[in-house]
Amino acid sequence: MLKPLLAIAAAAVLAGATSAGAQGAADYPNKPIKIIVTVPAGGGVDTATRIIADKLQQRLGQPVVIENRGGASGNIAAEAVYTSEPDGYTLMASQPAPITTNVVLYKKLNFDPAQFEPVAIMSKFPNTLLVKNDFPAKTAQEFLTYVKANPGKLNYASQGIGTTSHLTAELFMKVTGTKLVHVPYKGTGPALNDIVAGHVDLIFMQLESSRKLHDGNRARILAVATDERLPMLKDIPTLAEAGVKGVESDTWNAISAPPKTPKAIVAKLNGAINEIMKDPDVIAKFDSLSMLPGGGTPEAMGAFVKEETKRWGDVIRAANIPAL
């Protein structure tokens, strides 16, 4: 009789937990929600979060407070959210690193990225191949020919070791069999300043930042790292069109919740965010910032994060990037 009784008890506990989760979602939220952003104020992640938070508090009827905790590629904020109460009142808005590549790039993390509860992708920023104004190649095809003819003679900037700009360049070299010299910077600003000044040759940079320089004739976009041309850059080819297939790359950001946050609360947040993505005001703001809207189910985000972790983890290992 012991085993059946244990089974009944376990089922009762599970049912109780499910009921409690559902009940928690029924009156959720009944107090302010805090979103901890993994970067300082002003960046792409922060901008997207503030746009969505403003609409989220209108839909949910409670204040949504933004707290920026930058540092260690998002690990500081991620640890804070990871150890928070899993009740839906503390969430994380992050770039990919804390929930994907940092598990490969750092020798020790005080959290398990795979245990976060996926809520929703907020937005995506397509990446571009941006070169200094006086770069000898004028087209993407000419660029590929020139790079192959000058192994180890050209340098590329990045926002830092392990960032999307760094890993995209490593993927480009792997796919094309070329050799570029890495010049890591501490952030986007310093890297782009040296592109404009002509101190470095190129960078794989998100569309929002590169488009401003391109339109201002301060640097040139030769190609986009997307699977098809972008509506706002119809004359710029994809890398695949230039003969480089398999180097699709974008920077995205997402909302995650602490481990074991009730599924019903996650679903409520996800539903609200998906509705926000349809808001004409949000669509217009995203378009003005060269951001593509996110959305989708928590399950879809979870699968996407796993794919990205494997994809870029393979690039990191193939490039022998040392753990920090």
Protein backbone atom coordinates (compact mmCIF):
# COMPACT_ATOMS: atom_id res chain seq x y z
CA MET A 1 0.00 0.00 0.00
CA LEU A 2 2.95 2.32 0.55
CA LYS A 3 3.69 2.96 -3.15
CA PRO A 4 0.08 3.79 -4.09
CA LEU A 5 -0.16 6.13 -1.10
CA LEU A 6 3.07 7.86 -2.10
CA ALA A 7 1.80 8.23 -5.66
CA ILE A 8 -1.46 9.73 -4.41
CA ALA A 9 0.45 12.13 -2.15
CA ALA A 10 2.76 13.19 -4.99
CA ALA A 11 -0.23 13.77 -7.26
CA ALA A 12 -1.89 15.86 -4.58
CA VAL A 13 1.24 18.00 -4.15
CA LEU A 14 1.48 18.49 -7.93
CA ALA A 15 -2.20 19.38 -8.17
CA GLY A 16 -1.81 21.80 -5.30
CA ALA A 17 1.20 23.46 -6.93
CA THR A 18 -0.66 23.73 -10.23
CA SER A 19 -3.67 25.21 -8.47
CA ALA A 20 -1.50 27.67 -6.58
CA GLY A 21 0.18 28.71 -9.82
CA ALA A 22 -3.16 29.24 -11.52
CA GLN A 23 -4.47 31.19 -8.52
CA GLY A 24 -1.31 33.31 -8.50
CA ALA A 25 -1.82 34.14 -12.17
CA ALA A 26 -5.48 35.00 -11.62
CA ASP A 27 -4.67 38.08 -9.52
CA TYR A 28 -1.26 38.72 -11.10
CA PRO A 29 0.01 41.37 -10.96
CA ASN A 30 -1.22 43.08 -7.80
CA LYS A 31 1.93 45.11 -7.16
CA PRO A 32 4.75 46.72 -9.22
CA ILE A 33 6.87 44.56 -11.51
CA LYS A 34 10.62 45.12 -11.70
CA ILE A 35 12.58 44.41 -14.89
CA ILE A 36 16.33 44.22 -14.33
CA VAL A 37 18.17 45.16 -17.54
CA THR A 38 21.58 43.56 -18.03
CA VAL A 39 23.17 46.65 -19.65
CA PRO A 40 23.53 50.33 -18.74
CA ALA A 41 20.79 52.77 -19.74
CA GLY A 42 20.72 53.90 -23.35
CA GLY A 43 21.61 50.75 -25.28
CA GLY A 44 19.43 48.67 -27.58
CA VAL A 45 18.29 46.27 -24.86
CA ASP A 46 17.41 49.15 -22.55
CA THR A 47 15.54 51.03 -25.30
CA ALA A 48 13.43 48.03 -26.30
CA THR A 49 12.68 47.24 -22.66
CA ARG A 50 11.46 50.75 -21.91
CA ILE A 51 9.17 50.78 -24.94
CA ILE A 52 7.62 47.46 -23.93
CA ALA A 53 7.52 48.26 -20.20
CA ASP A 54 5.52 51.41 -20.87
CA LYS A 55 2.86 49.42 -22.73
CA LEU A 56 3.05 46.51 -20.29
CA GLN A 57 2.06 48.62 -17.32
CA GLN A 58 -0.89 49.99 -19.30
CA ARG A 59 -2.10 46.46 -20.05
CA LEU A 60 -1.43 44.93 -16.64
CA GLY A 61 -2.51 47.91 -14.55
CA GLN A 62 0.61 48.00 -12.36
CA PRO A 63 3.81 50.06 -12.52
CA VAL A 64 6.71 48.39 -14.36
CA VAL A 65 10.01 49.63 -12.94
CA ILE A 66 13.27 49.45 -14.90
CA GLU A 67 16.54 48.81 -13.05
CA ASN A 68 19.83 48.78 -14.98
CA ARG A 69 22.58 46.51 -13.68
CA GLY A 70 25.32 46.36 -16.30
CA GLY A 71 28.61 44.51 -16.02
CA ALA A 72 30.28 41.17 -16.72
CA SER A 73 28.42 40.70 -20.02
CA GLY A 74 25.12 40.63 -18.17
CA ASN A 75 26.15 38.13 -15.49
CA ILE A 76 25.62 40.53 -12.58
CA ALA A 77 21.99 41.18 -13.47
CA ALA A 78 21.39 37.55 -14.42
CA GLU A 79 22.54 36.31 -11.02
CA ALA A 80 20.28 38.82 -9.27
CA VAL A 81 17.23 37.68 -11.22
CA TYR A 82 18.15 34.00 -10.96
CA THR A 83 18.06 34.14 -7.16
CA SER A 84 14.88 36.26 -6.99
CA GLU A 85 11.52 34.96 -5.86
CA PRO A 86 9.88 33.16 -8.82
CA ASP A 87 6.62 35.06 -8.56
CA GLY A 88 6.67 37.13 -11.74
CA TYR A 89 7.55 40.38 -10.00
CA THR A 90 11.25 40.32 -10.92
CA LEU A 91 12.13 39.76 -14.57
CA MET A 92 15.28 40.06 -16.67
CA ALA A 93 15.73 41.88 -19.96
CA SER A 94 18.95 40.80 -21.63
CA GLN A 95 21.07 40.56 -24.72
CA PRO A 96 21.85 36.97 -25.79
CA ALA A 97 25.07 36.54 -23.79
CA PRO A 98 23.75 35.84 -20.25
CA ILE A 99 21.37 33.13 -21.46
CA THR A 100 23.51 31.67 -24.26
CA THR A 101 27.26 32.15 -24.79
CA ASN A 102 28.37 33.16 -21.28
CA VAL A 103 28.07 29.53 -20.19
CA VAL A 104 30.90 28.81 -22.65
CA LEU A 105 32.85 32.05 -22.25
CA TYR A 106 33.10 32.11 -18.46
CA LYS A 107 34.87 29.52 -16.31
CA LYS A 108 32.34 29.98 -13.53
CA LEU A 109 28.81 31.33 -13.37
CA ASN A 110 26.74 31.65 -10.22
CA PHE A 111 23.61 30.73 -12.14
CA ASP A 112 22.52 28.18 -14.75
CA PRO A 113 21.37 30.00 -17.93
CA ALA A 114 19.34 26.98 -19.02
CA GLN A 115 17.14 27.22 -15.91
CA PHE A 116 15.67 30.65 -16.65
CA GLU A 117 12.03 30.59 -17.73
CA PRO A 118 11.70 32.00 -21.27
CA VAL A 119 9.00 34.67 -21.51
CA ALA A 120 9.37 36.34 -24.92
CA ILE A 121 11.79 37.73 -27.48
CA MET A 122 11.42 41.52 -27.45
CA SER A 123 13.21 42.59 -30.61
CA LYS A 124 15.93 41.74 -33.08
CA PHE A 125 18.65 43.90 -34.59
CA PRO A 126 19.99 42.62 -37.92
CA ASN A 127 23.77 42.80 -38.26
CA THR A 128 25.65 44.37 -41.13
CA LEU A 129 29.15 44.36 -42.58
CA LEU A 130 30.37 47.92 -42.01
CA VAL A 131 33.71 49.16 -43.39
CA LYS A 132 35.64 52.39 -43.04
CA ASN A 133 34.98 54.97 -45.73
CA ASP A 134 38.27 54.55 -47.58
CA PHE A 135 38.23 50.75 -47.57
CA PRO A 136 39.51 49.62 -51.02
CA ALA A 137 36.55 47.32 -51.79
CA LYS A 138 33.36 49.07 -52.85
CA THR A 139 31.03 46.05 -53.04
CA ALA A 140 30.49 42.91 -51.01
CA GLN A 141 31.95 40.75 -53.77
CA GLU A 142 35.04 42.97 -54.01
CA PHE A 143 35.34 42.80 -50.22
CA LEU A 144 35.44 39.01 -50.21
CA THR A 145 38.06 38.94 -52.96
CA TYR A 146 40.19 41.55 -51.17
CA VAL A 147 40.02 39.80 -47.80
CA LYS A 148 41.03 36.47 -49.33
CA ALA A 149 43.96 38.12 -51.09
CA ASN A 150 45.23 39.76 -47.88
CA PRO A 151 45.22 37.16 -45.08
CA GLY A 152 46.13 38.61 -41.69
CA LYS A 153 46.54 42.15 -43.05
CA LEU A 154 43.09 43.51 -42.21
CA ASN A 155 41.70 44.12 -38.76
CA TYR A 156 38.17 44.13 -37.41
CA ALA A 157 36.70 45.85 -34.41
CA SER A 158 34.31 44.32 -31.90
CA GLN A 159 32.41 45.53 -28.85
CA GLY A 160 34.48 43.09 -26.79
CA ILE A 161 35.45 39.44 -26.54
CA GLY A 162 32.45 37.17 -26.92
CA THR A 163 30.09 39.85 -28.23
CA THR A 164 28.00 39.29 -31.34
CA SER A 165 30.33 41.47 -33.42
CA HIS A 166 33.28 39.30 -32.36
CA LEU A 167 31.58 35.95 -32.89
CA THR A 168 30.10 36.97 -36.25
CA ALA A 169 33.58 37.81 -37.51
CA GLU A 170 34.86 34.46 -36.25
CA LEU A 171 32.00 32.72 -38.05
CA PHE A 172 32.76 34.70 -41.21
CA MET A 173 36.41 33.61 -41.10
CA LYS A 174 35.44 29.99 -40.49
CA VAL A 175 33.02 29.92 -43.42
CA THR A 176 35.27 31.80 -45.87
CA GLY A 177 38.66 30.45 -44.79
CA THR A 178 39.97 33.99 -44.32
CA LYS A 179 42.12 35.55 -41.61
CA LEU A 180 41.38 38.87 -39.91
CA VAL A 181 43.04 40.45 -36.86
CA HIS A 182 40.74 41.08 -33.88
CA VAL A 183 40.76 44.48 -32.16
CA PRO A 184 38.38 44.27 -29.17
CA TYR A 185 36.94 47.44 -27.65
CA LYS A 186 34.96 48.13 -24.50
CA GLY A 187 31.59 48.78 -26.05
CA THR A 188 29.99 50.03 -29.24
CA GLY A 189 30.97 53.71 -29.05
CA PRO A 190 34.77 53.31 -28.99
CA ALA A 191 34.66 50.65 -31.73
CA LEU A 192 32.60 52.80 -34.08
CA ASN A 193 34.67 55.88 -33.34
CA ASP A 194 37.74 54.08 -34.66
CA ILE A 195 35.84 52.81 -37.71
CA VAL A 196 34.92 56.42 -38.54
CA ALA A 197 38.50 57.57 -37.85
CA GLY A 198 39.83 54.83 -40.13
CA HIS A 199 41.92 53.15 -37.43
CA VAL A 200 40.25 49.77 -38.01
CA ASP A 201 39.01 48.32 -41.28
CA LEU A 202 35.64 46.77 -40.53
CA ILE A 203 33.10 45.58 -38.02
CA PHE A 204 30.00 43.40 -38.00
CA MET A 205 27.60 45.85 -36.40
CA GLN A 206 23.89 45.96 -35.63
CA LEU A 207 21.77 47.85 -38.13
CA GLU A 208 20.68 50.73 -35.90
CA SER A 209 24.22 51.96 -35.31
CA SER A 210 25.70 51.15 -38.73
CA ARG A 211 22.79 52.69 -40.66
CA LYS A 212 23.37 56.09 -39.05
CA LEU A 213 27.02 56.06 -40.12
CA HIS A 214 26.14 54.77 -43.58
CA ASP A 215 23.46 57.42 -44.15
CA GLY A 216 25.81 60.10 -42.85
CA ASN A 217 28.62 59.00 -45.23
CA ARG A 218 30.91 58.31 -42.29
CA ALA A 219 31.27 54.57 -43.02
CA ARG A 220 29.82 52.13 -45.56
CA ILE A 221 27.53 49.11 -45.26
CA LEU A 222 28.58 46.52 -47.84
CA ALA A 223 26.23 43.69 -46.90
CA VAL A 224 23.61 42.56 -44.38
CA ALA A 225 23.97 39.34 -42.37
CA THR A 226 20.34 38.31 -42.90
CA ASP A 227 18.66 35.62 -44.99
CA GLU A 228 17.03 38.24 -47.23
CA ARG A 229 17.46 41.94 -48.02
CA LEU A 230 16.10 44.46 -45.54
CA PRO A 231 13.26 46.78 -46.59
CA MET A 232 15.13 49.84 -45.31
CA LEU A 233 18.30 48.88 -47.25
CA LYS A 234 16.91 47.45 -50.47
CA ASP A 235 20.08 48.22 -52.44
CA ILE A 236 22.39 46.41 -50.00
CA PRO A 237 22.89 42.68 -50.73
CA THR A 238 22.99 39.88 -48.20
CA LEU A 239 26.28 38.13 -47.49
CA ALA A 240 24.78 35.04 -49.13
CA GLU A 241 24.27 37.00 -52.35
CA ALA A 242 27.95 37.92 -52.21
CA GLY A 243 28.84 34.23 -51.99
CA VAL A 244 29.10 33.85 -48.21
CA LYS A 245 26.41 31.44 -47.06
CA GLY A 246 25.82 30.48 -43.44
CA VAL A 247 26.76 33.78 -41.78
CA GLU A 248 23.30 34.94 -40.79
CA SER A 249 23.61 36.96 -37.61
CA ASP A 250 21.49 39.28 -35.55
CA THR A 251 21.49 40.73 -32.09
CA TRP A 252 18.32 40.07 -30.14
CA ASN A 253 17.04 40.71 -26.67
CA ALA A 254 14.53 38.91 -24.51
CA ILE A 255 12.55 38.83 -21.29
CA SER A 256 13.28 35.92 -18.94
CA ALA A 257 11.92 35.00 -15.51
CA PRO A 258 13.57 33.26 -12.53
CA PRO A 259 13.60 29.46 -12.53
CA LYS A 260 10.32 27.82 -11.46
CA THR A 261 8.17 30.87 -12.16
CA PRO A 262 4.64 29.46 -12.58
CA LYS A 263 3.75 28.67 -16.19
CA ALA A 264 0.46 30.53 -15.85
CA ILE A 265 2.25 33.77 -14.92
CA VAL A 266 4.75 33.31 -17.76
CA ALA A 267 1.83 32.75 -20.15
CA LYS A 268 0.11 35.93 -18.94
CA LEU A 269 3.25 38.01 -19.49
CA ASN A 270 3.87 36.38 -22.86
CA GLY A 271 0.32 37.07 -24.02
CA ALA A 272 0.59 40.74 -23.03
CA ILE A 273 3.94 41.14 -24.82
CA ASN A 274 2.61 39.53 -27.99
CA GLU A 275 -0.31 41.97 -27.97
CA ILE A 276 2.12 44.84 -27.47
CA MET A 277 4.03 43.75 -30.59
CA LYS A 278 0.88 44.50 -32.61
CA ASP A 279 0.54 48.03 -31.22
CA PRO A 280 0.97 50.56 -34.09
CA ASP A 281 2.87 52.90 -31.76
CA VAL A 282 5.36 50.16 -30.85
CA ILE A 283 5.73 49.11 -34.48
CA ALA A 284 6.50 52.70 -35.48
CA LYS A 285 9.04 53.16 -32.66
CA PHE A 286 10.79 49.90 -33.50
CA ASP A 287 10.95 50.85 -37.18
CA SER A 288 12.49 54.24 -36.36
CA LEU A 289 15.19 52.42 -34.40
CA SER A 290 15.82 49.81 -37.14
CA MET A 291 14.58 47.08 -34.80
CA LEU A 292 12.47 44.12 -35.85
CA PRO A 293 9.65 43.09 -33.47
CA GLY A 294 9.88 39.85 -31.53
CA GLY A 295 7.08 37.85 -29.95
CA GLY A 296 6.20 34.17 -30.14
CA THR A 297 5.55 31.58 -27.45
CA PRO A 298 7.75 30.86 -24.42
CA GLU A 299 8.39 27.41 -25.93
CA ALA A 300 9.58 28.96 -29.19
CA MET A 301 11.92 31.27 -27.29
CA GLY A 302 13.28 28.33 -25.29
CA ALA A 303 14.01 26.37 -28.45
CA PHE A 304 15.61 29.41 -30.09
CA VAL A 305 17.86 30.06 -27.07
CA LYS A 306 19.03 26.42 -27.15
CA GLU A 307 19.83 26.68 -30.86
CA GLU A 308 21.73 29.93 -30.38
CA THR A 309 23.68 28.50 -27.43
CA LYS A 310 24.84 25.55 -29.52
CA ARG A 311 25.49 27.57 -32.66
CA TRP A 312 27.65 30.24 -31.08
CA GLY A 313 29.16 27.82 -28.56
CA ASP A 314 30.50 25.83 -31.52
CA VAL A 315 31.98 29.05 -32.98
CA ILE A 316 33.65 29.90 -29.66
CA ARG A 317 35.20 26.46 -29.33
CA ALA A 318 36.33 26.34 -32.97
CA ALA A 319 37.99 29.75 -32.57
CA ASN A 320 39.67 28.65 -29.30
CA ILE A 321 38.42 31.74 -27.49
CA PRO A 322 39.74 31.38 -23.93
CA ALA A 323 37.28 31.33 -21.05
CA LEU A 324 37.25 34.42 -18.85
